[in-house]
Amino acid sequence: MKEWNDFIIKHFPSLQPNLIVYLKISAESALERVLSGKRKEESSLTIHTLNEINKCYENWIGSNRTNLDNQWSYKTDCPVVEIDATYSGEIILKQFEKIIEETFKH
């Protein structure tokens, strides 16, 4: 993750983000959702794999943030905001809209 991010920033500096929204969900909840979707190609996904994916995201996001009221300072001065993605899509969307409004109000 970090290597990909560093590559994008180095080679495409105009693509640096204004905001990163981290939809955080436990491996257990993610697996439950994936399996409820009944996609054949996702049926072999394991809790171990999802835990490893979560660790990668936490390492990538975590190495670039300082915890301040659930908002972080990204190394490119881009705020990182965490949303608890265990809620329904409707609640997540409301949280996201509130974050966008607060982040980009002029």
PDB file of N, CA and C in Angstrom:
ATOM      1  N   MET A   1       0.815  -1.189   0.000  1.00  0.00           N
ATOM      2  CA  MET A   1       0.000   0.000   0.000  1.00  0.00           C
ATOM      3  C   MET A   1       0.862   1.258   0.000  1.00  0.00           C
ATOM      4  N   LYS A   2       1.829   1.299   0.902  1.00  0.00           N
ATOM      5  CA  LYS A   2       2.663   2.491   1.007  1.00  0.00           C
ATOM      6  C   LYS A   2       3.441   2.716  -0.287  1.00  0.00           C
ATOM      7  N   GLU A   3       3.961   1.629  -0.868  1.00  0.00           N
ATOM      8  CA  GLU A   3       4.735   1.757  -2.106  1.00  0.00           C
ATOM      9  C   GLU A   3       3.864   2.307  -3.233  1.00  0.00           C
ATOM     10  N   TRP A   4       2.623   1.806  -3.312  1.00  0.00           N
ATOM     11  CA  TRP A   4       1.702   2.293  -4.333  1.00  0.00           C
ATOM     12  C   TRP A   4       1.418   3.775  -4.119  1.00  0.00           C
ATOM     13  N   ASN A   5       1.140   4.141  -2.891  1.00  0.00           N
ATOM     14  CA  ASN A   5       0.863   5.536  -2.562  1.00  0.00           C
ATOM     15  C   ASN A   5       2.062   6.425  -2.900  1.00  0.00           C
ATOM     16  N   ASP A   6       3.250   6.004  -2.519  1.00  0.00           N
ATOM     17  CA  ASP A   6       4.459   6.783  -2.793  1.00  0.00           C
ATOM     18  C   ASP A   6       4.694   6.922  -4.299  1.00  0.00           C
ATOM     19  N   PHE A   7       4.426   5.858  -5.054  1.00  0.00           N
ATOM     20  CA  PHE A   7       4.573   5.903  -6.509  1.00  0.00           C
ATOM     21  C   PHE A   7       3.633   6.947  -7.114  1.00  0.00           C
ATOM     22  N   ILE A   8       2.380   6.919  -6.697  1.00  0.00           N
ATOM     23  CA  ILE A   8       1.391   7.873  -7.227  1.00  0.00           C
ATOM     24  C   ILE A   8       1.814   9.307  -6.906  1.00  0.00           C
ATOM     25  N   ILE A   9       2.217   9.554  -5.673  1.00  0.00           N
ATOM     26  CA  ILE A   9       2.612  10.908  -5.265  1.00  0.00           C
ATOM     27  C   ILE A   9       3.842  11.375  -6.040  1.00  0.00           C
ATOM     28  N   LYS A  10       4.790  10.465  -6.253  1.00  0.00           N
ATOM     29  CA  LYS A  10       6.018  10.834  -6.957  1.00  0.00           C
ATOM     30  C   LYS A  10       5.776  11.101  -8.440  1.00  0.00           C
ATOM     31  N   HIS A  11       5.032  10.224  -9.107  1.00  0.00           N
ATOM     32  CA  HIS A  11       4.882  10.297 -10.551  1.00  0.00           C
ATOM     33  C   HIS A  11       3.668  11.106 -11.021  1.00  0.00           C
ATOM     34  N   PHE A  12       2.727  11.298 -10.142  1.00  0.00           N
ATOM     35  CA  PHE A  12       1.513  12.044 -10.492  1.00  0.00           C
ATOM     36  C   PHE A  12       1.170  13.021  -9.370  1.00  0.00           C
ATOM     37  N   PRO A  13       2.009  14.021  -9.149  1.00  0.00           N
ATOM     38  CA  PRO A  13       1.806  14.917  -8.008  1.00  0.00           C
ATOM     39  C   PRO A  13       0.481  15.656  -8.028  1.00  0.00           C
ATOM     40  N   SER A  14      -0.098  15.842  -9.197  1.00  0.00           N
ATOM     41  CA  SER A  14      -1.386  16.540  -9.253  1.00  0.00           C
ATOM     42  C   SER A  14      -2.532  15.664  -8.754  1.00  0.00           C
ATOM     43  N   LEU A  15      -2.287  14.365  -8.554  1.00  0.00           N
ATOM     44  CA  LEU A  15      -3.323  13.455  -8.083  1.00  0.00           C
ATOM     45  C   LEU A  15      -3.331  13.297  -6.565  1.00  0.00           C
ATOM     46  N   GLN A  16      -2.604  14.118  -5.860  1.00  0.00           N
ATOM     47  CA  GLN A  16      -2.595  14.009  -4.410  1.00  0.00           C
ATOM     48  C   GLN A  16      -3.988  14.291  -3.874  1.00  0.00           C
ATOM     49  N   PRO A  17      -4.448  13.475  -2.942  1.00  0.00           N
ATOM     50  CA  PRO A  17      -5.824  13.615  -2.457  1.00  0.00           C
ATOM     51  C   PRO A  17      -6.021  14.838  -1.570  1.00  0.00           C
ATOM     52  N   ASN A  18      -7.270  15.296  -1.512  1.00  0.00           N
ATOM     53  CA  ASN A  18      -7.671  16.362  -0.591  1.00  0.00           C
ATOM     54  C   ASN A  18      -8.164  15.783   0.722  1.00  0.00           C
ATOM     55  N   LEU A  19      -8.569  14.530   0.683  1.00  0.00           N
ATOM     56  CA  LEU A  19      -9.142  13.870   1.849  1.00  0.00           C
ATOM     57  C   LEU A  19      -9.075  12.368   1.632  1.00  0.00           C
ATOM     58  N   ILE A  20      -8.757  11.635   2.679  1.00  0.00           N
ATOM     59  CA  ILE A  20      -8.831  10.178   2.642  1.00  0.00           C
ATOM     60  C   ILE A  20      -9.903   9.768   3.637  1.00  0.00           C
ATOM     61  N   VAL A  21     -10.876   8.992   3.169  1.00  0.00           N
ATOM     62  CA  VAL A  21     -11.916   8.459   4.037  1.00  0.00           C
ATOM     63  C   VAL A  21     -11.638   6.972   4.192  1.00  0.00           C
ATOM     64  N   TYR A  22     -11.361   6.575   5.422  1.00  0.00           N
ATOM     65  CA  TYR A  22     -11.016   5.197   5.738  1.00  0.00           C
ATOM     66  C   TYR A  22     -12.257   4.515   6.290  1.00  0.00           C
ATOM     67  N   LEU A  23     -12.843   3.608   5.502  1.00  0.00           N
ATOM     68  CA  LEU A  23     -14.014   2.853   5.930  1.00  0.00           C
ATOM     69  C   LEU A  23     -13.516   1.623   6.687  1.00  0.00           C
ATOM     70  N   LYS A  24     -13.514   1.728   8.001  1.00  0.00           N
ATOM     71  CA  LYS A  24     -12.935   0.683   8.834  1.00  0.00           C
ATOM     72  C   LYS A  24     -14.014  -0.310   9.249  1.00  0.00           C
ATOM     73  N   ILE A  25     -13.695  -1.593   9.074  1.00  0.00           N
ATOM     74  CA  ILE A  25     -14.616  -2.666   9.446  1.00  0.00           C
ATOM     75  C   ILE A  25     -13.800  -3.846   9.943  1.00  0.00           C
ATOM     76  N   SER A  26     -14.338  -4.554  10.900  1.00  0.00           N
ATOM     77  CA  SER A  26     -13.627  -5.723  11.421  1.00  0.00           C
ATOM     78  C   SER A  26     -13.626  -6.822  10.371  1.00  0.00           C
ATOM     79  N   ALA A  27     -12.665  -7.705  10.478  1.00  0.00           N
ATOM     80  CA  ALA A  27     -12.580  -8.822   9.544  1.00  0.00           C
ATOM     81  C   ALA A  27     -13.826  -9.700   9.647  1.00  0.00           C
ATOM     82  N   GLU A  28     -14.336  -9.863  10.852  1.00  0.00           N
ATOM     83  CA  GLU A  28     -15.522 -10.692  11.062  1.00  0.00           C
ATOM     84  C   GLU A  28     -16.744 -10.107  10.343  1.00  0.00           C
ATOM     85  N   SER A  29     -16.946  -8.794  10.513  1.00  0.00           N
ATOM     86  CA  SER A  29     -18.089  -8.149   9.848  1.00  0.00           C
ATOM     87  C   SER A  29     -17.925  -8.154   8.336  1.00  0.00           C
ATOM     88  N   ALA A  30     -16.704  -7.939   7.867  1.00  0.00           N
ATOM     89  CA  ALA A  30     -16.455  -7.956   6.426  1.00  0.00           C
ATOM     90  C   ALA A  30     -16.744  -9.343   5.850  1.00  0.00           C
ATOM     91  N   LEU A  31     -16.286 -10.372   6.538  1.00  0.00           N
ATOM     92  CA  LEU A  31     -16.520 -11.739   6.055  1.00  0.00           C
ATOM     93  C   LEU A  31     -18.015 -12.049   6.027  1.00  0.00           C
ATOM     94  N   GLU A  32     -18.727 -11.635   7.046  1.00  0.00           N
ATOM     95  CA  GLU A  32     -20.170 -11.847   7.088  1.00  0.00           C
ATOM     96  C   GLU A  32     -20.848 -11.202   5.871  1.00  0.00           C
ATOM     97  N   ARG A  33     -20.458  -9.978   5.558  1.00  0.00           N
ATOM     98  CA  ARG A  33     -21.039  -9.289   4.398  1.00  0.00           C
ATOM     99  C   ARG A  33     -20.668  -9.963   3.088  1.00  0.00           C
ATOM    100  N   VAL A  34     -19.404 -10.334   2.963  1.00  0.00           N
ATOM    101  CA  VAL A  34     -18.953 -10.980   1.727  1.00  0.00           C
ATOM    102  C   VAL A  34     -19.716 -12.284   1.510  1.00  0.00           C
ATOM    103  N   LEU A  35     -19.834 -13.092   2.550  1.00  0.00           N
ATOM    104  CA  LEU A  35     -20.496 -14.387   2.403  1.00  0.00           C
ATOM    105  C   LEU A  35     -21.998 -14.241   2.166  1.00  0.00           C
ATOM    106  N   SER A  36     -22.592 -13.177   2.681  1.00  0.00           N
ATOM    107  CA  SER A  36     -24.022 -12.964   2.445  1.00  0.00           C
ATOM    108  C   SER A  36     -24.287 -12.564   1.002  1.00  0.00           C
ATOM    109  N   GLY A  37     -23.273 -12.055   0.311  1.00  0.00           N
ATOM    110  CA  GLY A  37     -23.409 -11.694  -1.093  1.00  0.00           C
ATOM    111  C   GLY A  37     -23.434 -12.897  -2.019  1.00  0.00           C
ATOM    112  N   LYS A  38     -22.945 -14.022  -1.548  1.00  0.00           N
ATOM    113  CA  LYS A  38     -22.977 -15.298  -2.278  1.00  0.00           C
ATOM    114  C   LYS A  38     -22.316 -15.253  -3.651  1.00  0.00           C
ATOM    115  N   ARG A  39     -21.240 -14.474  -3.752  1.00  0.00           N
ATOM    116  CA  ARG A  39     -20.471 -14.476  -5.005  1.00  0.00           C
ATOM    117  C   ARG A  39     -19.525 -15.667  -4.975  1.00  0.00           C
ATOM    118  N   LYS A  40     -19.587 -16.467  -5.999  1.00  0.00           N
ATOM    119  CA  LYS A  40     -18.784 -17.692  -6.038  1.00  0.00           C
ATOM    120  C   LYS A  40     -17.292 -17.383  -5.893  1.00  0.00           C
ATOM    121  N   GLU A  41     -16.819 -16.318  -6.561  1.00  0.00           N
ATOM    122  CA  GLU A  41     -15.390 -15.998  -6.535  1.00  0.00           C
ATOM    123  C   GLU A  41     -14.907 -15.522  -5.167  1.00  0.00           C
ATOM    124  N   GLU A  42     -15.828 -15.151  -4.277  1.00  0.00           N
ATOM    125  CA  GLU A  42     -15.444 -14.697  -2.930  1.00  0.00           C
ATOM    126  C   GLU A  42     -15.691 -15.757  -1.862  1.00  0.00           C
ATOM    127  N   SER A  43     -16.214 -16.901  -2.239  1.00  0.00           N
ATOM    128  CA  SER A  43     -16.607 -17.916  -1.261  1.00  0.00           C
ATOM    129  C   SER A  43     -15.428 -18.538  -0.513  1.00  0.00           C
ATOM    130  N   SER A  44     -14.228 -18.459  -1.065  1.00  0.00           N
ATOM    131  CA  SER A  44     -13.064 -19.049  -0.394  1.00  0.00           C
ATOM    132  C   SER A  44     -12.307 -18.044   0.486  1.00  0.00           C
ATOM    133  N   LEU A  45     -12.814 -16.829   0.581  1.00  0.00           N
ATOM    134  CA  LEU A  45     -12.175 -15.808   1.411  1.00  0.00           C
ATOM    135  C   LEU A  45     -12.191 -16.243   2.870  1.00  0.00           C
ATOM    136  N   THR A  46     -11.074 -16.035   3.566  1.00  0.00           N
ATOM    137  CA  THR A  46     -10.986 -16.479   4.965  1.00  0.00           C
ATOM    138  C   THR A  46     -10.829 -15.292   5.912  1.00  0.00           C
ATOM    139  N   ILE A  47     -11.119 -15.537   7.167  1.00  0.00           N
ATOM    140  CA  ILE A  47     -10.949 -14.509   8.202  1.00  0.00           C
ATOM    141  C   ILE A  47      -9.471 -14.123   8.300  1.00  0.00           C
ATOM    142  N   HIS A  48      -8.585 -15.069   8.094  1.00  0.00           N
ATOM    143  CA  HIS A  48      -7.147 -14.790   8.133  1.00  0.00           C
ATOM    144  C   HIS A  48      -6.771 -13.777   7.046  1.00  0.00           C
ATOM    145  N   THR A  49      -7.260 -13.993   5.835  1.00  0.00           N
ATOM    146  CA  THR A  49      -6.969 -13.077   4.724  1.00  0.00           C
ATOM    147  C   THR A  49      -7.475 -11.673   5.034  1.00  0.00           C
ATOM    148  N   LEU A  50      -8.700 -11.581   5.543  1.00  0.00           N
ATOM    149  CA  LEU A  50      -9.265 -10.269   5.863  1.00  0.00           C
ATOM    150  C   LEU A  50      -8.506  -9.591   7.005  1.00  0.00           C
ATOM    151  N   ASN A  51      -8.055 -10.367   7.982  1.00  0.00           N
ATOM    152  CA  ASN A  51      -7.223  -9.789   9.052  1.00  0.00           C
ATOM    153  C   ASN A  51      -5.925  -9.237   8.491  1.00  0.00           C
ATOM    154  N   GLU A  52      -5.328  -9.935   7.542  1.00  0.00           N
ATOM    155  CA  GLU A  52      -4.092  -9.463   6.918  1.00  0.00           C
ATOM    156  C   GLU A  52      -4.334  -8.192   6.110  1.00  0.00           C
ATOM    157  N   ILE A  53      -5.443  -8.134   5.401  1.00  0.00           N
ATOM    158  CA  ILE A  53      -5.795  -6.923   4.649  1.00  0.00           C
ATOM    159  C   ILE A  53      -5.976  -5.755   5.615  1.00  0.00           C
ATOM    160  N   ASN A  54      -6.684  -5.993   6.722  1.00  0.00           N
ATOM    161  CA  ASN A  54      -6.867  -4.934   7.728  1.00  0.00           C
ATOM    162  C   ASN A  54      -5.528  -4.451   8.278  1.00  0.00           C
ATOM    163  N   LYS A  55      -4.614  -5.376   8.534  1.00  0.00           N
ATOM    164  CA  LYS A  55      -3.291  -4.989   9.036  1.00  0.00           C
ATOM    165  C   LYS A  55      -2.562  -4.105   8.021  1.00  0.00           C
ATOM    166  N   CYS A  56      -2.660  -4.457   6.750  1.00  0.00           N
ATOM    167  CA  CYS A  56      -2.006  -3.649   5.706  1.00  0.00           C
ATOM    168  C   CYS A  56      -2.573  -2.237   5.688  1.00  0.00           C
ATOM    169  N   TYR A  57      -3.895  -2.118   5.742  1.00  0.00           N
ATOM    170  CA  TYR A  57      -4.503  -0.786   5.756  1.00  0.00           C
ATOM    171  C   TYR A  57      -4.112  -0.015   7.006  1.00  0.00           C
ATOM    172  N   GLU A  58      -4.134  -0.670   8.160  1.00  0.00           N
ATOM    173  CA  GLU A  58      -3.764   0.011   9.399  1.00  0.00           C
ATOM    174  C   GLU A  58      -2.312   0.477   9.362  1.00  0.00           C
ATOM    175  N   ASN A  59      -1.431  -0.348   8.815  1.00  0.00           N
ATOM    176  CA  ASN A  59      -0.021   0.046   8.705  1.00  0.00           C
ATOM    177  C   ASN A  59       0.144   1.227   7.769  1.00  0.00           C
ATOM    178  N   TRP A  60      -0.567   1.203   6.642  1.00  0.00           N
ATOM    179  CA  TRP A  60      -0.468   2.284   5.660  1.00  0.00           C
ATOM    180  C   TRP A  60      -1.054   3.574   6.218  1.00  0.00           C
ATOM    181  N   ILE A  61      -2.266   3.509   6.710  1.00  0.00           N
ATOM    182  CA  ILE A  61      -2.921   4.695   7.273  1.00  0.00           C
ATOM    183  C   ILE A  61      -2.207   5.110   8.561  1.00  0.00           C
ATOM    184  N   GLY A  62      -1.909   4.138   9.402  1.00  0.00           N
ATOM    185  CA  GLY A  62      -1.302   4.419  10.706  1.00  0.00           C
ATOM    186  C   GLY A  62       0.065   5.059  10.635  1.00  0.00           C
ATOM    187  N   SER A  63       0.833   4.729   9.614  1.00  0.00           N
ATOM    188  CA  SER A  63       2.172   5.306   9.504  1.00  0.00           C
ATOM    189  C   SER A  63       2.126   6.748   9.031  1.00  0.00           C
ATOM    190  N   ASN A  64       0.951   7.212   8.636  1.00  0.00           N
ATOM    191  CA  ASN A  64       0.808   8.556   8.092  1.00  0.00           C
ATOM    192  C   ASN A  64      -0.159   9.419   8.889  1.00  0.00           C
ATOM    193  N   ARG A  65      -0.421   9.045  10.130  1.00  0.00           N
ATOM    194  CA  ARG A  65      -1.408   9.817  10.871  1.00  0.00           C
ATOM    195  C   ARG A  65      -0.986  10.041  12.318  1.00  0.00           C
ATOM    196  N   THR A  66      -1.571  11.043  12.886  1.00  0.00           N
ATOM    197  CA  THR A  66      -1.464  11.319  14.302  1.00  0.00           C
ATOM    198  C   THR A  66      -2.892  11.469  14.787  1.00  0.00           C
ATOM    199  N   ASN A  67      -3.289  10.691  15.769  1.00  0.00           N
ATOM    200  CA  ASN A  67      -4.689  10.679  16.190  1.00  0.00           C
ATOM    201  C   ASN A  67      -5.081  11.991  16.856  1.00  0.00           C
ATOM    202  N   LEU A  68      -6.024  12.689  16.266  1.00  0.00           N
ATOM    203  CA  LEU A  68      -6.580  13.919  16.824  1.00  0.00           C
ATOM    204  C   LEU A  68      -8.080  13.914  16.592  1.00  0.00           C
ATOM    205  N   ASP A  69      -8.842  13.522  17.589  1.00  0.00           N
ATOM    206  CA  ASP A  69     -10.297  13.537  17.456  1.00  0.00           C
ATOM    207  C   ASP A  69     -10.805  12.742  16.266  1.00  0.00           C
ATOM    208  N   ASN A  70     -10.284  11.565  16.045  1.00  0.00           N
ATOM    209  CA  ASN A  70     -10.712  10.706  14.937  1.00  0.00           C
ATOM    210  C   ASN A  70     -10.384  11.291  13.572  1.00  0.00           C
ATOM    211  N   GLN A  71      -9.483  12.242  13.519  1.00  0.00           N
ATOM    212  CA  GLN A  71      -9.041  12.811  12.242  1.00  0.00           C
ATOM    213  C   GLN A  71      -7.515  12.847  12.290  1.00  0.00           C
ATOM    214  N   TRP A  72      -6.879  12.574  11.161  1.00  0.00           N
ATOM    215  CA  TRP A  72      -5.426  12.458  11.155  1.00  0.00           C
ATOM    216  C   TRP A  72      -4.795  13.388  10.154  1.00  0.00           C
ATOM    217  N   SER A  73      -3.551  13.688  10.415  1.00  0.00           N
ATOM    218  CA  SER A  73      -2.786  14.515   9.494  1.00  0.00           C
ATOM    219  C   SER A  73      -1.969  13.591   8.600  1.00  0.00           C
ATOM    220  N   TYR A  74      -2.273  13.547   7.344  1.00  0.00           N
ATOM    221  CA  TYR A  74      -1.582  12.712   6.375  1.00  0.00           C
ATOM    222  C   TYR A  74      -0.270  13.381   5.984  1.00  0.00           C
ATOM    223  N   LYS A  75       0.725  12.606   5.623  1.00  0.00           N
ATOM    224  CA  LYS A  75       2.037  13.185   5.349  1.00  0.00           C
ATOM    225  C   LYS A  75       2.018  14.181   4.194  1.00  0.00           C
ATOM    226  N   THR A  76       0.974  14.164   3.373  1.00  0.00           N
ATOM    227  CA  THR A  76       0.856  15.153   2.315  1.00  0.00           C
ATOM    228  C   THR A  76      -0.091  16.274   2.740  1.00  0.00           C
ATOM    229  N   ASP A  77      -0.261  16.436   4.034  1.00  0.00           N
ATOM    230  CA  ASP A  77      -1.173  17.421   4.609  1.00  0.00           C
ATOM    231  C   ASP A  77      -2.624  17.148   4.240  1.00  0.00           C
ATOM    232  N   CYS A  78      -2.931  15.940   3.946  1.00  0.00           N
ATOM    233  CA  CYS A  78      -4.284  15.531   3.601  1.00  0.00           C
ATOM    234  C   CYS A  78      -4.927  14.906   4.841  1.00  0.00           C
ATOM    235  N   PRO A  79      -6.101  15.388   5.237  1.00  0.00           N
ATOM    236  CA  PRO A  79      -6.740  14.770   6.395  1.00  0.00           C
ATOM    237  C   PRO A  79      -7.212  13.351   6.088  1.00  0.00           C
ATOM    238  N   VAL A  80      -7.121  12.494   7.078  1.00  0.00           N
ATOM    239  CA  VAL A  80      -7.623  11.124   6.991  1.00  0.00           C
ATOM    240  C   VAL A  80      -8.715  10.997   8.037  1.00  0.00           C
ATOM    241  N   VAL A  81      -9.906  10.644   7.602  1.00  0.00           N
ATOM    242  CA  VAL A  81     -11.048  10.523   8.491  1.00  0.00           C
ATOM    243  C   VAL A  81     -11.514   9.076   8.487  1.00  0.00           C
ATOM    244  N   GLU A  82     -11.773   8.549   9.663  1.00  0.00           N
ATOM    245  CA  GLU A  82     -12.205   7.165   9.792  1.00  0.00           C
ATOM    246  C   GLU A  82     -13.713   7.100  10.015  1.00  0.00           C
ATOM    247  N   ILE A  83     -14.352   6.223   9.257  1.00  0.00           N
ATOM    248  CA  ILE A  83     -15.778   5.959   9.429  1.00  0.00           C
ATOM    249  C   ILE A  83     -15.929   4.491   9.817  1.00  0.00           C
ATOM    250  N   ASP A  84     -16.747   4.238  10.819  1.00  0.00           N
ATOM    251  CA  ASP A  84     -17.032   2.874  11.243  1.00  0.00           C
ATOM    252  C   ASP A  84     -17.969   2.247  10.210  1.00  0.00           C
ATOM    253  N   ALA A  85     -17.453   1.336   9.415  1.00  0.00           N
ATOM    254  CA  ALA A  85     -18.211   0.756   8.308  1.00  0.00           C
ATOM    255  C   ALA A  85     -19.027  -0.462   8.720  1.00  0.00           C
ATOM    256  N   THR A  86     -19.150  -0.712  10.009  1.00  0.00           N
ATOM    257  CA  THR A  86     -20.004  -1.820  10.439  1.00  0.00           C
ATOM    258  C   THR A  86     -21.474  -1.440  10.391  1.00  0.00           C
ATOM    259  N   TYR A  87     -21.753  -0.150  10.245  1.00  0.00           N
ATOM    260  CA  TYR A  87     -23.136   0.312  10.155  1.00  0.00           C
ATOM    261  C   TYR A  87     -23.695   0.069   8.765  1.00  0.00           C
ATOM    262  N   SER A  88     -24.987   0.336   8.605  1.00  0.00           N
ATOM    263  CA  SER A  88     -25.644   0.175   7.304  1.00  0.00           C
ATOM    264  C   SER A  88     -25.108   1.206   6.323  1.00  0.00           C
ATOM    265  N   GLY A  89     -25.311   0.939   5.047  1.00  0.00           N
ATOM    266  CA  GLY A  89     -24.876   1.863   4.007  1.00  0.00           C
ATOM    267  C   GLY A  89     -25.493   3.240   4.161  1.00  0.00           C
ATOM    268  N   GLU A  90     -26.732   3.298   4.603  1.00  0.00           N
ATOM    269  CA  GLU A  90     -27.417   4.577   4.786  1.00  0.00           C
ATOM    270  C   GLU A  90     -26.735   5.428   5.859  1.00  0.00           C
ATOM    271  N   ILE A  91     -26.364   4.805   6.970  1.00  0.00           N
ATOM    272  CA  ILE A  91     -25.685   5.535   8.056  1.00  0.00           C
ATOM    273  C   ILE A  91     -24.290   5.961   7.616  1.00  0.00           C
ATOM    274  N   ILE A  92     -23.584   5.080   6.924  1.00  0.00           N
ATOM    275  CA  ILE A  92     -22.241   5.408   6.426  1.00  0.00           C
ATOM    276  C   ILE A  92     -22.321   6.595   5.477  1.00  0.00           C
ATOM    277  N   LEU A  93     -23.304   6.602   4.587  1.00  0.00           N
ATOM    278  CA  LEU A  93     -23.468   7.703   3.637  1.00  0.00           C
ATOM    279  C   LEU A  93     -23.726   9.019   4.368  1.00  0.00           C
ATOM    280  N   LYS A  94     -24.535   8.997   5.398  1.00  0.00           N
ATOM    281  CA  LYS A  94     -24.810  10.212   6.178  1.00  0.00           C
ATOM    282  C   LYS A  94     -23.537  10.709   6.852  1.00  0.00           C
ATOM    283  N   GLN A  95     -22.743   9.785   7.414  1.00  0.00           N
ATOM    284  CA  GLN A  95     -21.473  10.169   8.042  1.00  0.00           C
ATOM    285  C   GLN A  95     -20.537  10.780   7.002  1.00  0.00           C
ATOM    286  N   PHE A  96     -20.473  10.156   5.828  1.00  0.00           N
ATOM    287  CA  PHE A  96     -19.607  10.636   4.762  1.00  0.00           C
ATOM    288  C   PHE A  96     -20.025  12.035   4.314  1.00  0.00           C
ATOM    289  N   GLU A  97     -21.309  12.248   4.108  1.00  0.00           N
ATOM    290  CA  GLU A  97     -21.801  13.562   3.681  1.00  0.00           C
ATOM    291  C   GLU A  97     -21.472  14.631   4.716  1.00  0.00           C
ATOM    292  N   LYS A  98     -21.585  14.297   5.985  1.00  0.00           N
ATOM    293  CA  LYS A  98     -21.250  15.245   7.054  1.00  0.00           C
ATOM    294  C   LYS A  98     -19.765  15.590   7.021  1.00  0.00           C
ATOM    295  N   ILE A  99     -18.930  14.590   6.817  1.00  0.00           N
ATOM    296  CA  ILE A  99     -17.469  14.802   6.757  1.00  0.00           C
ATOM    297  C   ILE A  99     -17.124  15.699   5.574  1.00  0.00           C
ATOM    298  N   ILE A 100     -17.712  15.414   4.418  1.00  0.00           N
ATOM    299  CA  ILE A 100     -17.435  16.237   3.226  1.00  0.00           C
ATOM    300  C   ILE A 100     -17.862  17.683   3.473  1.00  0.00           C
ATOM    301  N   GLU A 101     -19.030  17.843   4.032  1.00  0.00           N
ATOM    302  CA  GLU A 101     -19.533  19.195   4.307  1.00  0.00           C
ATOM    303  C   GLU A 101     -18.599  19.933   5.264  1.00  0.00           C
ATOM    304  N   GLU A 102     -18.177  19.278   6.344  1.00  0.00           N
ATOM    305  CA  GLU A 102     -17.316  19.928   7.329  1.00  0.00           C
ATOM    306  C   GLU A 102     -15.903  20.177   6.791  1.00  0.00           C
ATOM    307  N   THR A 103     -15.414  19.245   5.969  1.00  0.00           N
ATOM    308  CA  THR A 103     -14.038  19.351   5.451  1.00  0.00           C
ATOM    309  C   THR A 103     -13.901  20.421   4.384  1.00  0.00           C
ATOM    310  N   PHE A 104     -14.892  20.544   3.535  1.00  0.00           N
ATOM    311  CA  PHE A 104     -14.765  21.424   2.377  1.00  0.00           C
ATOM    312  C   PHE A 104     -15.630  22.678   2.436  1.00  0.00           C
ATOM    313  N   LYS A 105     -16.186  22.977   3.609  1.00  0.00           N
ATOM    314  CA  LYS A 105     -16.972  24.217   3.672  1.00  0.00           C
ATOM    315  C   LYS A 105     -16.032  25.405   3.594  1.00  0.00           C
ATOM    316  N   HIS A 106     -16.459  26.416   2.910  1.00  0.00           N
ATOM    317  CA  HIS A 106     -15.602  27.591   2.676  1.00  0.00           C
ATOM    318  C   HIS A 106     -16.147  28.776   3.421  1.00  0.00           C
TER     319      HIS A 106
END
